């Protein structure tokens, strides 16, 4: 019997030998599809198209610009036609655009630093897109599970987002500072991430130190990954960002600023008001302020000013400091104790209801601790826990 070829043998056994079609996507096609998948995920999650509007999340604005640009590229439309299951490419424009921005232009306008591109990245609509392989690698870093106590972390995310919009925090490209510590915020894969816990230091196989982290994500999930794994993921993610700490500005310095005073005084007042709530909690209700002059002058005529509860006050503590920015100092105190601000209404001298905003239900010894944290530069490491009436680690 003549020797049969492999194909002839398979055919004799009734096995189809139709050649398997191979379809290798070009880098351009891969990046177009990957970029469009980001937009599809946003649409499926939010049930609407992304909008490039002031106040919207930076990634939503990027997706809106990207969608508008994809609609203008015939070669992209041809690639995406089989993938457009929601008809996003045929829908009305994604949003009112700020002129006709590219992704780089939008990022630059939002103050996000970007590197220069190589010649092969001239199609800027695809520059900030990871390939499918890169995304799969990032997803394999750690499995995310539902965060059962997310309600405890949700206020932190909301505050971080407010501070990002107000400019108190900024988003910087990860790498200039590659450190990761408890309390840090990052943007990874379009998600805000918070480092809630850092475990004991361990020795990695390569001999370098590492630690297990508990990372909480803004979508209510968490992961238990190694610090170096998070660093690698942030490095590889083109949109990976570190959120800076809140911008408190210089409180103490060797050089004078426009709003600085050579010698300043932090003062703590206690009200002598007969208001029922004040009378009941008199030992705990305090007003905190900063002045460049004499405290006595500052509080003279307190019984005629609504900000002093239309009553005389008692000075219960003062702290002398040098080169203080008074505005920032007062704002810092009010920010630390914002959760303990009292909510009462009194009538001013003309019978008009007013709500004094600068009185706080905080024990005097806690205020003293806050001053010490400010003086040694560790104030950003603590927050005021109203349930415990004490400062705790952030």
Protein backbone atom coordinates (compact mmCIF):
# COMPACT_ATOMS: atom_id res chain seq x y z
CA UNK A 1 0.00 0.00 0.00
CA UNK A 2 1.35 3.35 -1.05
CA UNK A 3 2.30 5.71 1.73
CA UNK A 4 -0.43 8.26 2.35
CA UNK A 5 0.23 11.87 3.09
CA UNK A 6 -1.10 13.31 6.32
CA UNK A 7 -3.94 15.06 4.48
CA UNK A 8 -4.85 11.90 2.56
CA UNK A 9 -4.86 9.85 5.76
CA UNK A 10 -7.16 12.37 7.50
CA UNK A 11 -9.45 12.39 4.49
CA UNK A 12 -9.58 8.59 4.48
CA UNK A 13 -10.60 8.66 8.13
CA UNK A 14 -13.41 11.13 7.37
CA UNK A 15 -11.75 14.09 9.05
CA UNK A 16 -12.24 17.41 7.30
CA UNK A 17 -9.00 18.98 6.29
CA UNK A 18 -10.26 22.49 5.47
CA UNK A 19 -7.39 24.86 6.23
CA UNK A 20 -7.86 26.96 9.34
CA UNK A 21 -8.09 30.60 8.43
CA UNK A 22 -5.70 32.85 10.27
CA UNK A 23 -6.48 36.48 10.80
CA UNK A 24 -3.65 38.52 12.22
CA UNK A 25 -4.70 42.02 13.14
CA UNK A 26 -2.34 44.87 12.46
CA UNK A 27 -1.23 47.00 15.43
CA UNK A 28 -3.53 49.74 14.16
CA UNK A 29 -6.53 47.39 14.07
CA UNK A 30 -5.77 46.02 17.53
CA UNK A 31 -5.56 49.47 19.06
CA UNK A 32 -8.70 50.68 17.31
CA UNK A 33 -10.66 47.72 18.63
CA UNK A 34 -9.17 48.02 22.13
CA UNK A 35 -9.97 51.73 22.25
CA UNK A 36 -13.53 51.14 21.10
CA UNK A 37 -14.03 48.41 23.72
CA UNK A 38 -13.33 51.02 26.43
CA UNK A 39 -16.16 53.14 25.03
CA UNK A 40 -18.49 50.13 24.83
CA UNK A 41 -17.81 49.24 28.48
CA UNK A 42 -18.61 52.80 29.51
CA UNK A 43 -21.88 52.68 27.55
CA UNK A 44 -22.86 49.33 29.07
CA UNK A 45 -22.11 50.53 32.59
CA UNK A 46 -23.72 53.99 32.41
CA UNK A 47 -26.40 53.36 29.73
CA UNK A 48 -25.40 56.51 27.87
CA UNK A 49 -22.69 57.90 25.61
CA UNK A 50 -19.65 59.54 27.20
CA UNK A 51 -19.71 63.34 27.35
CA UNK A 52 -16.80 65.73 26.95
CA UNK A 53 -18.09 68.38 29.31
CA UNK A 54 -16.63 70.45 32.11
CA UNK A 55 -16.81 68.60 35.41
CA UNK A 56 -17.01 65.11 33.90
CA UNK A 57 -14.50 62.40 34.79
CA UNK A 58 -11.27 62.67 32.79
CA UNK A 59 -11.71 59.19 31.29
CA UNK A 60 -15.28 59.88 30.23
CA UNK A 61 -14.04 62.99 28.43
CA UNK A 62 -11.29 60.96 26.75
CA UNK A 63 -13.80 58.35 25.58
CA UNK A 64 -16.05 61.10 24.17
CA UNK A 65 -13.19 62.64 22.20
CA UNK A 66 -12.05 59.20 21.04
CA UNK A 67 -15.54 58.29 19.81
CA UNK A 68 -15.82 61.51 17.84
CA UNK A 69 -12.44 60.86 16.26
CA UNK A 70 -13.24 57.24 15.39
CA UNK A 71 -16.37 58.38 13.57
CA UNK A 72 -14.20 60.55 11.32
CA UNK A 73 -11.77 57.78 10.31
CA UNK A 74 -13.06 55.62 7.42
CA UNK A 75 -10.38 53.00 8.09
CA UNK A 76 -11.45 52.79 11.73
CA UNK A 77 -15.14 52.51 10.80
CA UNK A 78 -14.33 49.61 8.50
CA UNK A 79 -12.49 47.77 11.28
CA UNK A 80 -15.14 48.43 13.93
CA UNK A 81 -18.30 47.74 11.92
CA UNK A 82 -18.55 44.07 13.06
CA UNK A 83 -17.94 45.09 16.69
CA UNK A 84 -20.41 47.97 16.96
CA UNK A 85 -23.21 45.96 18.62
CA UNK A 86 -24.75 49.06 20.25
CA UNK A 87 -24.65 51.25 17.16
CA UNK A 88 -22.40 53.78 18.88
CA UNK A 89 -20.65 54.79 15.66
CA UNK A 90 -23.98 55.69 14.05
CA UNK A 91 -25.41 57.58 17.04
CA UNK A 92 -25.48 61.32 17.44
CA UNK A 93 -22.22 63.05 18.44
CA UNK A 94 -20.93 61.95 21.83
CA UNK A 95 -21.00 65.43 23.38
CA UNK A 96 -20.48 69.09 22.77
CA UNK A 97 -16.74 69.27 22.24
CA UNK A 98 -14.34 71.93 23.37
CA UNK A 99 -13.40 72.92 19.83
CA UNK A 100 -12.08 69.79 18.05
CA UNK A 101 -9.73 68.32 20.60
CA UNK A 102 -7.49 65.32 20.23
CA UNK A 103 -6.87 63.16 23.26
CA UNK A 104 -3.46 64.78 23.79
CA UNK A 105 -4.99 68.25 23.55
CA UNK A 106 -7.67 67.33 26.08
CA UNK A 107 -5.13 65.85 28.49
CA UNK A 108 -2.95 68.93 28.17
CA UNK A 109 -5.93 71.18 28.85
CA UNK A 110 -6.76 69.18 31.97
CA UNK A 111 -3.20 69.56 33.21
CA UNK A 112 -2.20 65.92 32.71
CA UNK A 113 1.38 65.50 31.56
CA UNK A 114 1.95 63.37 28.47
CA UNK A 115 5.08 62.23 26.77
CA UNK A 116 5.98 62.88 23.17
CA UNK A 117 4.91 60.18 20.73
CA UNK A 118 6.97 58.28 18.24
CA UNK A 119 6.34 58.52 14.52
CA UNK A 120 4.29 55.33 14.54
CA UNK A 121 1.79 56.97 16.92
CA UNK A 122 0.69 59.72 14.56
CA UNK A 123 -2.94 58.57 14.77
CA UNK A 124 -3.46 60.22 18.15
CA UNK A 125 -6.94 58.83 18.59
CA UNK A 126 -5.31 55.56 19.56
CA UNK A 127 -2.34 56.76 21.57
CA UNK A 128 -3.88 56.28 25.03
CA UNK A 129 -5.19 52.76 24.40
CA UNK A 130 -3.72 49.54 25.71
CA UNK A 131 -3.72 46.48 23.48
CA UNK A 132 -5.91 43.50 24.33
CA UNK A 133 -2.83 41.58 25.49
CA UNK A 134 -1.76 44.42 27.76
CA UNK A 135 -5.22 44.68 29.31
CA UNK A 136 -5.35 40.92 29.85
CA UNK A 137 -1.98 41.07 31.60
CA UNK A 138 -3.22 43.85 33.88
CA UNK A 139 -6.37 41.90 34.70
CA UNK A 140 -4.30 38.89 35.68
CA UNK A 141 -2.32 40.86 38.27
CA UNK A 142 -4.97 40.32 40.92
CA UNK A 143 -8.51 39.06 41.07
CA UNK A 144 -10.88 41.70 42.38
CA UNK A 145 -13.61 40.73 44.82
CA UNK A 146 -16.55 42.72 46.20
CA UNK A 147 -15.52 45.02 49.06
CA UNK A 148 -17.90 44.16 51.91
CA UNK A 149 -17.16 47.32 53.90
CA UNK A 150 -17.11 49.67 50.92
CA UNK A 151 -19.52 52.03 52.72
CA UNK A 152 -16.60 52.95 54.99
CA UNK A 153 -14.43 53.90 52.01
CA UNK A 154 -17.01 55.53 49.73
CA UNK A 155 -16.75 58.94 51.48
CA UNK A 156 -12.98 58.90 50.89
CA UNK A 157 -13.47 58.41 47.15
CA UNK A 158 -16.11 61.13 47.01
CA UNK A 159 -13.83 63.53 48.84
CA UNK A 160 -10.85 62.67 46.60
CA UNK A 161 -12.96 63.35 43.50
CA UNK A 162 -14.09 66.70 44.90
CA UNK A 163 -10.50 67.62 45.72
CA UNK A 164 -9.38 66.58 42.24
CA UNK A 165 -12.00 68.86 40.65
CA UNK A 166 -11.23 71.76 43.00
CA UNK A 167 -7.49 71.52 42.38
CA UNK A 168 -6.61 70.51 45.94
CA UNK A 169 -5.30 67.30 44.37
CA UNK A 170 -3.73 66.78 40.96
CA UNK A 171 -3.20 63.63 38.87
CA UNK A 172 0.46 63.07 37.98
CA UNK A 173 1.91 60.46 35.64
CA UNK A 174 3.09 57.53 37.73
CA UNK A 175 6.84 57.05 37.73
CA UNK A 176 8.31 60.34 38.90
CA UNK A 177 7.35 59.12 42.37
CA UNK A 178 6.95 55.34 42.38
CA UNK A 179 6.39 54.98 46.12
CA UNK A 180 3.19 53.35 47.38
CA UNK A 181 2.01 53.91 50.94
CA UNK A 182 -1.16 53.50 52.96
CA UNK A 183 -3.64 56.26 52.20
CA UNK A 184 -2.37 56.88 48.65
CA UNK A 185 -4.82 57.31 45.76
CA UNK A 186 -4.07 56.15 42.21
CA UNK A 187 -5.88 55.88 38.89
CA UNK A 188 -5.44 52.42 37.37
CA UNK A 189 -7.29 51.21 34.31
CA UNK A 190 -9.67 54.15 34.53
CA UNK A 191 -10.58 53.32 38.15
CA UNK A 192 -9.76 55.35 41.24
CA UNK A 193 -7.85 53.07 43.64
CA UNK A 194 -7.13 53.59 47.34
CA UNK A 195 -4.40 51.80 49.32
CA UNK A 196 -6.25 50.90 52.51
CA UNK A 197 -3.68 48.59 54.11
CA UNK A 198 -0.01 47.73 53.73
CA UNK A 199 1.07 44.40 55.19
CA UNK A 200 4.37 43.40 56.74
CA UNK A 201 7.48 43.66 54.60
CA UNK A 202 8.37 40.41 52.88
CA UNK A 203 11.34 39.31 50.78
CA UNK A 204 10.60 38.81 47.08
CA UNK A 205 12.28 35.94 45.14
CA UNK A 206 14.71 38.44 43.60
CA UNK A 207 15.79 39.54 47.08
CA UNK A 208 14.01 42.89 47.05
CA UNK A 209 11.47 43.92 49.68
CA UNK A 210 7.75 43.79 48.97
CA UNK A 211 4.45 43.86 50.87
CA UNK A 212 0.90 42.64 50.42
CA UNK A 213 -1.62 45.46 49.91
CA UNK A 214 -5.33 45.83 50.35
CA UNK A 215 -6.45 48.07 47.49
CA UNK A 216 -10.02 49.38 47.31
CA UNK A 217 -11.48 50.52 43.98
CA UNK A 218 -14.14 53.15 43.36
CA UNK A 219 -16.47 50.57 41.80
CA UNK A 220 -16.84 48.76 45.14
CA UNK A 221 -14.28 46.00 44.60
CA UNK A 222 -10.94 45.27 46.22
CA UNK A 223 -7.81 43.25 45.56
CA UNK A 224 -5.05 41.76 47.62
CA UNK A 225 -1.95 42.26 45.51
CA UNK A 226 1.74 42.84 46.04
CA UNK A 227 3.12 46.37 46.05
CA UNK A 228 5.48 45.63 43.16
CA UNK A 229 2.59 44.22 41.13
CA UNK A 230 0.68 47.49 41.59
CA UNK A 231 3.79 49.46 40.64
CA UNK A 232 4.22 47.43 37.44
CA UNK A 233 0.56 47.86 36.54
CA UNK A 234 0.76 51.63 37.03
CA UNK A 235 3.95 51.81 34.97
CA UNK A 236 2.41 49.86 32.08
CA UNK A 237 -0.91 51.75 32.12
CA UNK A 238 -0.60 54.82 29.86
CA UNK A 239 -3.34 56.44 31.92
CA UNK A 240 -1.87 55.35 35.28
CA UNK A 241 -1.80 58.31 37.63
CA UNK A 242 -0.88 59.19 41.20
CA UNK A 243 -3.17 61.63 43.01
CA UNK A 244 -1.13 64.10 44.98
CA UNK A 245 -1.92 64.77 48.61
CA UNK A 246 -4.25 67.67 49.28
CA UNK A 247 -2.58 70.98 48.50
CA UNK A 248 -2.41 72.63 51.90
CA UNK A 249 0.18 75.13 50.76
CA UNK A 250 3.07 76.37 52.88
CA UNK A 251 1.96 76.90 56.47
CA UNK A 252 5.40 77.49 57.92
CA UNK A 253 8.40 78.60 55.91
CA UNK A 254 11.67 80.46 56.10
CA UNK A 255 10.48 83.03 53.56
CA UNK A 256 7.57 85.40 53.96
CA UNK A 257 4.57 85.13 51.64
CA UNK A 258 2.09 87.85 50.72
CA UNK A 259 -0.44 86.68 53.32
CA UNK A 260 2.10 85.71 55.97
CA UNK A 261 2.60 87.45 59.29
CA UNK A 262 5.89 87.59 61.11
CA UNK A 263 4.28 86.46 64.35
CA UNK A 264 0.83 84.94 64.42
CA UNK A 265 -1.48 83.53 67.01
CA UNK A 266 -3.83 80.59 66.76
CA UNK A 267 -6.61 81.18 69.26
CA UNK A 268 -9.33 78.92 70.61
CA UNK A 269 -12.51 80.47 72.01
CA UNK A 270 -15.34 79.20 74.15
CA UNK A 271 -18.72 80.93 74.00
CA UNK A 272 -20.67 82.33 76.96
CA UNK A 273 -23.90 82.21 74.93
CA UNK A 274 -27.12 81.22 76.70
CA UNK A 275 -28.30 79.27 73.66
CA UNK A 276 -29.62 75.89 74.96
CA UNK A 277 -27.36 73.77 72.76
CA UNK A 278 -24.30 75.85 73.59
CA UNK A 279 -25.08 75.77 77.30
CA UNK A 280 -25.42 72.00 77.22
CA UNK A 281 -22.12 71.41 75.40
CA UNK A 282 -20.19 74.48 76.46
CA UNK A 283 -16.99 72.59 77.42
CA UNK A 284 -16.80 70.98 73.96
CA UNK A 285 -17.85 73.79 71.59
CA UNK A 286 -14.91 75.86 70.34
CA UNK A 287 -14.12 78.44 67.71
CA UNK A 288 -10.67 78.27 66.10
CA UNK A 289 -9.05 81.24 64.39
CA UNK A 290 -5.75 82.84 63.44
CA UNK A 291 -4.80 86.49 63.81
CA UNK A 292 -1.72 88.59 63.17
CA UNK A 293 -2.68 91.07 65.88
CA UNK A 294 -3.84 90.87 69.45
CA UNK A 295 -6.51 88.30 70.23
CA UNK A 296 -8.20 90.77 72.60
CA UNK A 297 -8.62 93.23 69.75
CA UNK A 298 -9.94 90.51 67.48
CA UNK A 299 -12.71 89.47 69.85
CA UNK A 300 -13.71 92.89 71.13
CA UNK A 301 -17.42 93.47 70.61
CA UNK A 302 -18.08 89.75 70.26
CA UNK A 303 -21.51 90.15 71.83
CA UNK A 304 -22.56 92.25 68.83
CA UNK A 305 -21.38 89.86 66.08
CA UNK A 306 -23.29 86.81 64.92
CA UNK A 307 -20.03 85.01 64.11
CA UNK A 308 -19.38 85.01 67.88
CA UNK A 309 -22.94 83.84 68.63
CA UNK A 310 -23.84 87.37 69.82
CA UNK A 311 -22.19 86.65 73.16
CA UNK A 312 -18.97 87.25 75.01
CA UNK A 313 -16.27 84.66 74.56
CA UNK A 314 -13.52 83.18 76.67
CA UNK A 315 -10.01 82.60 75.30
CA UNK A 316 -9.12 79.06 76.37
CA UNK A 317 -5.91 78.49 74.37
CA UNK A 318 -3.41 80.39 72.20
CA UNK A 319 -0.40 79.23 70.18
CA UNK A 320 2.34 81.58 68.95
CA UNK A 321 3.82 80.74 65.55
CA UNK A 322 6.07 82.38 62.97
CA UNK A 323 5.68 82.77 59.20
CA UNK A 324 2.11 81.53 59.05
CA UNK A 325 -0.19 81.81 56.09
CA UNK A 326 -3.29 82.82 58.03
CA UNK A 327 -5.87 81.95 55.37
CA UNK A 328 -4.44 78.49 54.76
CA UNK A 329 -4.07 77.86 58.47
CA UNK A 330 -7.71 78.65 59.22
CA UNK A 331 -8.87 76.65 56.21
CA UNK A 332 -6.81 73.70 57.40
CA UNK A 333 -8.40 73.68 60.85
CA UNK A 334 -11.87 74.00 59.39
CA UNK A 335 -11.16 71.17 56.97
CA UNK A 336 -9.87 68.84 59.69
CA UNK A 337 -12.89 69.40 61.92
CA UNK A 338 -15.54 69.92 59.22
CA UNK A 339 -17.42 66.80 60.34
CA UNK A 340 -17.82 68.27 63.83
CA UNK A 341 -19.15 71.69 62.79
CA UNK A 342 -22.18 72.59 64.90
CA UNK A 343 -25.47 73.34 63.17
CA UNK A 344 -27.39 76.00 65.05
CA UNK A 345 -29.37 79.06 63.99
CA UNK A 346 -29.51 82.32 65.92
CA UNK A 347 -31.13 85.68 65.24
CA UNK A 348 -28.74 88.55 64.60
CA UNK A 349 -29.21 92.06 66.04
CA UNK A 350 -31.83 92.80 63.40
CA UNK A 351 -33.83 89.63 63.96
CA UNK A 352 -32.52 87.87 60.86
CA UNK A 353 -31.69 84.16 61.25
CA UNK A 354 -28.01 83.32 60.70
CA UNK A 355 -25.96 80.12 60.94
CA UNK A 356 -22.46 80.65 62.41
CA UNK A 357 -20.11 78.29 60.55
CA UNK A 358 -16.87 78.39 62.51
CA UNK A 359 -17.77 76.61 65.74
CA UNK A 360 -16.89 72.97 66.26
CA UNK A 361 -17.84 70.27 68.75
CA UNK A 362 -14.26 69.22 69.52
CA UNK A 363 -12.51 68.71 72.89
CA UNK A 364 -9.79 71.24 73.66
CA UNK A 365 -7.09 68.59 74.03
CA UNK A 366 -7.82 67.34 70.48
CA UNK A 367 -7.34 70.86 69.11
CA UNK A 368 -4.02 70.97 70.94
CA UNK A 369 -3.03 67.67 69.31
CA UNK A 370 -3.96 69.04 65.88
CA UNK A 371 -1.69 72.05 66.43
CA UNK A 372 1.19 69.75 67.33
CA UNK A 373 0.59 67.70 64.16
CA UNK A 374 0.63 70.89 62.12
CA UNK A 375 3.88 72.01 63.70
CA UNK A 376 5.68 68.71 63.05
CA UNK A 377 4.23 68.29 59.54
CA UNK A 378 2.21 65.13 60.21
CA UNK A 379 -1.26 66.66 60.00
CA UNK A 380 -1.98 64.93 56.67
CA UNK A 381 -1.57 61.56 58.40
CA UNK A 382 -4.56 61.99 60.72
CA UNK A 383 -8.28 62.69 60.49
CA UNK A 384 -10.85 63.58 63.13
CA UNK A 385 -13.17 60.72 64.05
CA UNK A 386 -16.39 62.31 65.33
CA UNK A 387 -17.65 59.03 66.79
CA UNK A 388 -14.54 58.68 68.97
CA UNK A 389 -13.92 62.42 69.41
CA UNK A 390 -10.23 61.91 68.67
CA UNK A 391 -7.66 62.16 65.91
CA UNK A 392 -6.94 58.82 64.22
CA UNK A 393 -4.55 57.78 61.48
CA UNK A 394 -5.88 58.56 58.03
